[in-house]
Amino acid sequence: MTVQDIPDPPSTGTARRGEFAELYRRVAQAGLLRRRPLYYACRSAALLAALVGLLAGFTALGASWWQLGLAPLFALVLGQLALLGHDVAHRAVFADRRTTDLVGIVLGNLVVGMSYGWWVDDHNRHHAHPNREGQDPAADSLLFARTAQQADRARGLRRFVARHQAALFFPLLSLQALGLLVATGLTLTRGTVRYPALERTLAVLHYAVAAALTVLVLSPLQALAFTALFGALFGVYLGCIFAPNHKGMPMTGPGAERTDYLRRQVLPSRNLRAGRFVHFLFGGLGLQIEHHLFPAMPVAALRPASRIVRAYCAEIGVPYAEAGLTACFREILRDLRAVGRSVPARPEAAAAAAAKSTAPAEAAR
């Protein structure tokens, strides 16, 4: 159930298998693969203390519109706790699989309100085939068309959204929290996870406590406004963390030849070039190349690992993508805009254009 932490064997020749083995040796020799229990203990304690403090402040403030000022803080702390759960699922915290699953379920279902089992399955497939259409769930998103073919297959409202997805990028990200809620509800209703009873119980407890707090402390209108604002900010926060990692990077078609592990992880990934504060906000996942190469590596080791990986990629001639925060989103929006422009406003228009282009050829016959 835990996210894979051991790379699957590359399917190409011995030379390329040897390339990743050599990189692995260098990173391991630097001591960057060992777990960091003290780091995660301190991080967990700080985040849980922040959550308890926010809940106490929320209760003490009472039925006030000033509560809306706490919504961004709740989004930040719960987003950070979700990122902590991400590291737990990758077995960066615990070696034991059962402990990993149980702590992950508590963090995911009880604290964040998201099905841990659903997320692990989704994330496993993403790590196995990043940016591979038909195999990476993140590359087949309902919100964004990543290729002209995906956009052209869209119909109705989704086609309209695909045409204007660059302009709608941030508003669409605000729906991420709603998407997590729907996916959690469907998964736990079907019971398609390893611990269905435990996941259902903790998820129901999460939403029952959240509903009770908002209804008992706030007026109905305040509760509605607070919930909507928190959900939108939580979705934008998580979306902005994960979007720079792969959006706007090369996509692989479903029929493309499978490449070796190192290139399969490095080429569709982009690192964020930023300072420590931004990397804190991103939970360390701005260093996506190293995370994909070594999923079980603690996030505290990703920055020193990036120096080794960057130098090694230059040594073997593998492109290593990095960009600043603004440049990342500029590239993402440029790519989304290019895909959107490739789609006619209506399917009939595309058919008419195709018929018009073939008419001279038919007349010549």
Foldseek 3Di string as FASTA:
>chain_A
DFADQDDDAWPDDPVVSVLLVVLVVVCVVVVQLAADQVVLVVLVVVLVVLVVVLLVVLQVVFADLCVLVCLLVLLLSLLLLVLSLLLLSLCSHPPDPVVSVVVSLCSAQQVNLFGSQLVSVLVNQCLNFPQEPPRRDVCLDQQEPQALVSLQPDDDPSVVCLLVVLVCVLVSLLCQLVVRNVSRVVCLVVVPGPCNVSSVVSSVNNVVVLVCSLPVGYPPVSSVVSVSSSSSSSSSLVCLLPQLFAALFDHHYNPDDRGTQLLSLFRRTEAAPDDPVVCVSSSLCSLVSQCSSRVSRHSVSSVVSVVSVVVSCVVVVHDGHYDHSVVSSVSNSVSSNVSSVSYDPHSVVVVVVVCVVCVVVVVVD
